[in-house]
Amino acid sequence: MTTLKLTVPTMACGACTSTITQAIHKVDPDAEVEADPSTKLVKINTVASNAEITEAIAAAGYPIA
């Protein structure tokens, strides 16, 4: 498992974190996701690649900084 730390500047609320978490779980259903809208940071423990996770979050409407 790899731990990714990504900055998502447009993440602003609980609904944003839910959407991002769902997008990540489509790529890796077993991923552990911690998203904090106040710091704009998303921490992910996953077996998926950085590219896969980044693309999934961006496809959900939240580009990575």
PDB file of N, CA and C in Angstrom:
ATOM      1  N   MET A   1       0.838  -1.190   0.000  1.00  0.00           N
ATOM      2  CA  MET A   1       0.000   0.000   0.000  1.00  0.00           C
ATOM      3  C   MET A   1       0.874   1.242   0.000  1.00  0.00           C
ATOM      4  N   THR A   2       0.405   2.246  -0.699  1.00  0.00           N
ATOM      5  CA  THR A   2       1.120   3.512  -0.782  1.00  0.00           C
ATOM      6  C   THR A   2       0.277   4.594  -0.126  1.00  0.00           C
ATOM      7  N   THR A   3       0.937   5.546   0.529  1.00  0.00           N
ATOM      8  CA  THR A   3       0.223   6.689   1.084  1.00  0.00           C
ATOM      9  C   THR A   3       0.463   7.886   0.177  1.00  0.00           C
ATOM     10  N   LEU A   4      -0.632   8.449  -0.316  1.00  0.00           N
ATOM     11  CA  LEU A   4      -0.564   9.647  -1.153  1.00  0.00           C
ATOM     12  C   LEU A   4      -1.101  10.824  -0.359  1.00  0.00           C
ATOM     13  N   LYS A   5      -0.465  11.978  -0.525  1.00  0.00           N
ATOM     14  CA  LYS A   5      -0.968  13.215   0.075  1.00  0.00           C
ATOM     15  C   LYS A   5      -1.150  14.208  -1.060  1.00  0.00           C
ATOM     16  N   LEU A   6      -2.399  14.577  -1.304  1.00  0.00           N
ATOM     17  CA  LEU A   6      -2.718  15.447  -2.429  1.00  0.00           C
ATOM     18  C   LEU A   6      -3.411  16.713  -1.940  1.00  0.00           C
ATOM     19  N   THR A   7      -3.138  17.814  -2.613  1.00  0.00           N
ATOM     20  CA  THR A   7      -3.807  19.075  -2.321  1.00  0.00           C
ATOM     21  C   THR A   7      -4.912  19.294  -3.347  1.00  0.00           C
ATOM     22  N   VAL A   8      -6.126  19.509  -2.849  1.00  0.00           N
ATOM     23  CA  VAL A   8      -7.293  19.720  -3.706  1.00  0.00           C
ATOM     24  C   VAL A   8      -7.859  21.103  -3.374  1.00  0.00           C
ATOM     25  N   PRO A   9      -7.417  22.153  -4.123  1.00  0.00           N
ATOM     26  CA  PRO A   9      -7.771  23.533  -3.764  1.00  0.00           C
ATOM     27  C   PRO A   9      -9.269  23.836  -3.797  1.00  0.00           C
ATOM     28  N   THR A  10     -10.047  23.082  -4.572  1.00  0.00           N
ATOM     29  CA  THR A  10     -11.478  23.381  -4.688  1.00  0.00           C
ATOM     30  C   THR A  10     -12.336  22.612  -3.687  1.00  0.00           C
ATOM     31  N   MET A  11     -11.726  21.791  -2.842  1.00  0.00           N
ATOM     32  CA  MET A  11     -12.472  21.065  -1.814  1.00  0.00           C
ATOM     33  C   MET A  11     -12.850  22.033  -0.706  1.00  0.00           C
ATOM     34  N   ALA A  12     -14.158  22.200  -0.480  1.00  0.00           N
ATOM     35  CA  ALA A  12     -14.579  23.243   0.444  1.00  0.00           C
ATOM     36  C   ALA A  12     -15.497  22.775   1.573  1.00  0.00           C
ATOM     37  N   CYS A  13     -16.066  21.558   1.463  1.00  0.00           N
ATOM     38  CA  CYS A  13     -17.066  21.169   2.457  1.00  0.00           C
ATOM     39  C   CYS A  13     -17.159  19.655   2.562  1.00  0.00           C
ATOM     40  N   GLY A  14     -18.039  19.196   3.423  1.00  0.00           N
ATOM     41  CA  GLY A  14     -18.243  17.778   3.621  1.00  0.00           C
ATOM     42  C   GLY A  14     -18.741  17.064   2.368  1.00  0.00           C
ATOM     43  N   ALA A  15     -19.566  17.745   1.600  1.00  0.00           N
ATOM     44  CA  ALA A  15     -20.058  17.141   0.351  1.00  0.00           C
ATOM     45  C   ALA A  15     -18.903  16.924  -0.622  1.00  0.00           C
ATOM     46  N   CYS A  16     -17.962  17.859  -0.646  1.00  0.00           N
ATOM     47  CA  CYS A  16     -16.773  17.723  -1.499  1.00  0.00           C
ATOM     48  C   CYS A  16     -15.972  16.493  -1.075  1.00  0.00           C
ATOM     49  N   THR A  17     -15.756  16.338   0.218  1.00  0.00           N
ATOM     50  CA  THR A  17     -14.971  15.208   0.701  1.00  0.00           C
ATOM     51  C   THR A  17     -15.671  13.889   0.381  1.00  0.00           C
ATOM     52  N   SER A  18     -16.991  13.880   0.468  1.00  0.00           N
ATOM     53  CA  SER A  18     -17.752  12.675   0.146  1.00  0.00           C
ATOM     54  C   SER A  18     -17.600  12.310  -1.326  1.00  0.00           C
ATOM     55  N   THR A  19     -17.701  13.297  -2.204  1.00  0.00           N
ATOM     56  CA  THR A  19     -17.562  13.060  -3.643  1.00  0.00           C
ATOM     57  C   THR A  19     -16.164  12.551  -3.979  1.00  0.00           C
ATOM     58  N   ILE A  20     -15.160  13.155  -3.379  1.00  0.00           N
ATOM     59  CA  ILE A  20     -13.770  12.749  -3.613  1.00  0.00           C
ATOM     60  C   ILE A  20     -13.542  11.328  -3.106  1.00  0.00           C
ATOM     61  N   THR A  21     -14.060  11.026  -1.925  1.00  0.00           N
ATOM     62  CA  THR A  21     -13.916   9.681  -1.358  1.00  0.00           C
ATOM     63  C   THR A  21     -14.577   8.641  -2.258  1.00  0.00           C
ATOM     64  N   GLN A  22     -15.762   8.937  -2.752  1.00  0.00           N
ATOM     65  CA  GLN A  22     -16.462   8.011  -3.650  1.00  0.00           C
ATOM     66  C   GLN A  22     -15.668   7.787  -4.930  1.00  0.00           C
ATOM     67  N   ALA A  23     -15.081   8.854  -5.474  1.00  0.00           N
ATOM     68  CA  ALA A  23     -14.285   8.735  -6.704  1.00  0.00           C
ATOM     69  C   ALA A  23     -13.075   7.833  -6.473  1.00  0.00           C
ATOM     70  N   ILE A  24     -12.423   7.983  -5.331  1.00  0.00           N
ATOM     71  CA  ILE A  24     -11.264   7.156  -4.999  1.00  0.00           C
ATOM     72  C   ILE A  24     -11.684   5.697  -4.830  1.00  0.00           C
ATOM     73  N   HIS A  25     -12.813   5.473  -4.179  1.00  0.00           N
ATOM     74  CA  HIS A  25     -13.279   4.103  -3.946  1.00  0.00           C
ATOM     75  C   HIS A  25     -13.708   3.397  -5.232  1.00  0.00           C
ATOM     76  N   LYS A  26     -13.994   4.149  -6.291  1.00  0.00           N
ATOM     77  CA  LYS A  26     -14.285   3.520  -7.588  1.00  0.00           C
ATOM     78  C   LYS A  26     -13.011   2.902  -8.166  1.00  0.00           C
ATOM     79  N   VAL A  27     -11.867   3.512  -7.884  1.00  0.00           N
ATOM     80  CA  VAL A  27     -10.575   3.008  -8.360  1.00  0.00           C
ATOM     81  C   VAL A  27     -10.046   1.919  -7.425  1.00  0.00           C
ATOM     82  N   ASP A  28     -10.147   2.154  -6.118  1.00  0.00           N
ATOM     83  CA  ASP A  28      -9.667   1.207  -5.112  1.00  0.00           C
ATOM     84  C   ASP A  28     -10.689   1.133  -3.975  1.00  0.00           C
ATOM     85  N   PRO A  29     -11.580   0.136  -4.019  1.00  0.00           N
ATOM     86  CA  PRO A  29     -12.642   0.030  -3.007  1.00  0.00           C
ATOM     87  C   PRO A  29     -12.129  -0.093  -1.570  1.00  0.00           C
ATOM     88  N   ASP A  30     -10.892  -0.552  -1.402  1.00  0.00           N
ATOM     89  CA  ASP A  30     -10.331  -0.742  -0.065  1.00  0.00           C
ATOM     90  C   ASP A  30      -9.459   0.422   0.402  1.00  0.00           C
ATOM     91  N   ALA A  31      -9.411   1.485  -0.368  1.00  0.00           N
ATOM     92  CA  ALA A  31      -8.570   2.628  -0.003  1.00  0.00           C
ATOM     93  C   ALA A  31      -9.059   3.269   1.292  1.00  0.00           C
ATOM     94  N   GLU A  32      -8.099   3.746   2.081  1.00  0.00           N
ATOM     95  CA  GLU A  32      -8.413   4.514   3.285  1.00  0.00           C
ATOM     96  C   GLU A  32      -8.226   5.980   2.927  1.00  0.00           C
ATOM     97  N   VAL A  33      -9.286   6.778   3.126  1.00  0.00           N
ATOM     98  CA  VAL A  33      -9.258   8.170   2.695  1.00  0.00           C
ATOM     99  C   VAL A  33      -9.508   9.089   3.889  1.00  0.00           C
ATOM    100  N   GLU A  34      -8.644  10.088   4.054  1.00  0.00           N
ATOM    101  CA  GLU A  34      -8.845  11.152   5.033  1.00  0.00           C
ATOM    102  C   GLU A  34      -8.814  12.461   4.255  1.00  0.00           C
ATOM    103  N   ALA A  35      -9.935  13.180   4.247  1.00  0.00           N
ATOM    104  CA  ALA A  35      -9.998  14.440   3.510  1.00  0.00           C
ATOM    105  C   ALA A  35     -10.382  15.556   4.479  1.00  0.00           C
ATOM    106  N   ASP A  36      -9.643  16.642   4.422  1.00  0.00           N
ATOM    107  CA  ASP A  36      -9.885  17.775   5.319  1.00  0.00           C
ATOM    108  C   ASP A  36     -10.088  19.042   4.500  1.00  0.00           C
ATOM    109  N   PRO A  37     -11.352  19.508   4.409  1.00  0.00           N
ATOM    110  CA  PRO A  37     -11.611  20.703   3.598  1.00  0.00           C
ATOM    111  C   PRO A  37     -10.922  21.967   4.128  1.00  0.00           C
ATOM    112  N   SER A  38     -10.636  22.031   5.427  1.00  0.00           N
ATOM    113  CA  SER A  38     -10.010  23.237   5.959  1.00  0.00           C
ATOM    114  C   SER A  38      -8.556  23.377   5.521  1.00  0.00           C
ATOM    115  N   THR A  39      -7.866  22.244   5.331  1.00  0.00           N
ATOM    116  CA  THR A  39      -6.470  22.298   4.891  1.00  0.00           C
ATOM    117  C   THR A  39      -6.328  21.988   3.409  1.00  0.00           C
ATOM    118  N   LYS A  40      -7.427  21.525   2.776  1.00  0.00           N
ATOM    119  CA  LYS A  40      -7.442  21.145   1.350  1.00  0.00           C
ATOM    120  C   LYS A  40      -6.597  19.908   1.076  1.00  0.00           C
ATOM    121  N   LEU A  41      -6.282  19.136   2.121  1.00  0.00           N
ATOM    122  CA  LEU A  41      -5.441  17.950   1.952  1.00  0.00           C
ATOM    123  C   LEU A  41      -6.273  16.673   1.947  1.00  0.00           C
ATOM    124  N   VAL A  42      -5.894  15.756   1.067  1.00  0.00           N
ATOM    125  CA  VAL A  42      -6.491  14.432   1.019  1.00  0.00           C
ATOM    126  C   VAL A  42      -5.354  13.428   1.193  1.00  0.00           C
ATOM    127  N   LYS A  43      -5.474  12.577   2.208  1.00  0.00           N
ATOM    128  CA  LYS A  43      -4.471  11.539   2.473  1.00  0.00           C
ATOM    129  C   LYS A  43      -5.126  10.213   2.122  1.00  0.00           C
ATOM    130  N   ILE A  44      -4.465   9.439   1.278  1.00  0.00           N
ATOM    131  CA  ILE A  44      -5.035   8.199   0.775  1.00  0.00           C
ATOM    132  C   ILE A  44      -4.037   7.060   0.959  1.00  0.00           C
ATOM    133  N   ASN A  45      -4.462   5.976   1.603  1.00  0.00           N
ATOM    134  CA  ASN A  45      -3.691   4.730   1.649  1.00  0.00           C
ATOM    135  C   ASN A  45      -4.324   3.813   0.609  1.00  0.00           C
ATOM    136  N   THR A  46      -3.560   3.484  -0.441  1.00  0.00           N
ATOM    137  CA  THR A  46      -4.141   2.774  -1.574  1.00  0.00           C
ATOM    138  C   THR A  46      -3.140   1.873  -2.269  1.00  0.00           C
ATOM    139  N   VAL A  47      -3.666   0.907  -3.011  1.00  0.00           N
ATOM    140  CA  VAL A  47      -2.826   0.084  -3.870  1.00  0.00           C
ATOM    141  C   VAL A  47      -2.818   0.638  -5.293  1.00  0.00           C
ATOM    142  N   ALA A  48      -3.694   1.606  -5.574  1.00  0.00           N
ATOM    143  CA  ALA A  48      -3.766   2.227  -6.904  1.00  0.00           C
ATOM    144  C   ALA A  48      -2.596   3.194  -7.091  1.00  0.00           C
ATOM    145  N   SER A  49      -2.296   3.502  -8.350  1.00  0.00           N
ATOM    146  CA  SER A  49      -1.192   4.428  -8.637  1.00  0.00           C
ATOM    147  C   SER A  49      -1.616   5.870  -8.397  1.00  0.00           C
ATOM    148  N   ASN A  50      -0.619   6.720  -8.235  1.00  0.00           N
ATOM    149  CA  ASN A  50      -0.872   8.154  -8.076  1.00  0.00           C
ATOM    150  C   ASN A  50      -1.684   8.678  -9.258  1.00  0.00           C
ATOM    151  N   ALA A  51      -1.321   8.253 -10.470  1.00  0.00           N
ATOM    152  CA  ALA A  51      -2.020   8.710 -11.675  1.00  0.00           C
ATOM    153  C   ALA A  51      -3.488   8.293 -11.662  1.00  0.00           C
ATOM    154  N   GLU A  52      -3.760   7.058 -11.266  1.00  0.00           N
ATOM    155  CA  GLU A  52      -5.142   6.575 -11.222  1.00  0.00           C
ATOM    156  C   GLU A  52      -5.981   7.387 -10.235  1.00  0.00           C
ATOM    157  N   ILE A  53      -5.419   7.637  -9.064  1.00  0.00           N
ATOM    158  CA  ILE A  53      -6.145   8.389  -8.036  1.00  0.00           C
ATOM    159  C   ILE A  53      -6.348   9.834  -8.480  1.00  0.00           C
ATOM    160  N   THR A  54      -5.293  10.458  -9.001  1.00  0.00           N
ATOM    161  CA  THR A  54      -5.381  11.845  -9.460  1.00  0.00           C
ATOM    162  C   THR A  54      -6.418  11.998 -10.548  1.00  0.00           C
ATOM    163  N   GLU A  55      -6.434  11.068 -11.508  1.00  0.00           N
ATOM    164  CA  GLU A  55      -7.406  11.113 -12.602  1.00  0.00           C
ATOM    165  C   GLU A  55      -8.820  10.941 -12.084  1.00  0.00           C
ATOM    166  N   ALA A  56      -9.034  10.047 -11.119  1.00  0.00           N
ATOM    167  CA  ALA A  56     -10.364   9.807 -10.574  1.00  0.00           C
ATOM    168  C   ALA A  56     -10.891  11.042  -9.864  1.00  0.00           C
ATOM    169  N   ILE A  57     -10.027  11.699  -9.073  1.00  0.00           N
ATOM    170  CA  ILE A  57     -10.446  12.909  -8.355  1.00  0.00           C
ATOM    171  C   ILE A  57     -10.743  14.038  -9.346  1.00  0.00           C
ATOM    172  N   ALA A  58      -9.883  14.192 -10.335  1.00  0.00           N
ATOM    173  CA  ALA A  58     -10.094  15.240 -11.358  1.00  0.00           C
ATOM    174  C   ALA A  58     -11.374  14.975 -12.141  1.00  0.00           C
ATOM    175  N   ALA A  59     -11.650  13.707 -12.467  1.00  0.00           N
ATOM    176  CA  ALA A  59     -12.870  13.353 -13.208  1.00  0.00           C
ATOM    177  C   ALA A  59     -14.121  13.680 -12.397  1.00  0.00           C
ATOM    178  N   ALA A  60     -13.991  13.665 -11.068  1.00  0.00           N
ATOM    179  CA  ALA A  60     -15.118  13.998 -10.201  1.00  0.00           C
ATOM    180  C   ALA A  60     -15.306  15.512 -10.078  1.00  0.00           C
ATOM    181  N   GLY A  61     -14.403  16.272 -10.713  1.00  0.00           N
ATOM    182  CA  GLY A  61     -14.535  17.731 -10.715  1.00  0.00           C
ATOM    183  C   GLY A  61     -13.624  18.466  -9.749  1.00  0.00           C
ATOM    184  N   TYR A  62     -12.615  17.754  -9.251  1.00  0.00           N
ATOM    185  CA  TYR A  62     -11.696  18.352  -8.269  1.00  0.00           C
ATOM    186  C   TYR A  62     -10.248  18.192  -8.734  1.00  0.00           C
ATOM    187  N   PRO A  63      -9.766  19.095  -9.577  1.00  0.00           N
ATOM    188  CA  PRO A  63      -8.379  18.973 -10.036  1.00  0.00           C
ATOM    189  C   PRO A  63      -7.383  19.098  -8.877  1.00  0.00           C
ATOM    190  N   ILE A  64      -6.294  18.374  -8.998  1.00  0.00           N
ATOM    191  CA  ILE A  64      -5.227  18.374  -7.995  1.00  0.00           C
ATOM    192  C   ILE A  64      -4.282  19.537  -8.271  1.00  0.00           C
ATOM    193  N   ALA A  65      -3.834  20.171  -7.192  1.00  0.00           N
ATOM    194  CA  ALA A  65      -2.896  21.300  -7.338  1.00  0.00           C
ATOM    195  C   ALA A  65      -1.511  20.791  -7.659  1.00  0.00           C
TER     196      ALA A  65
END
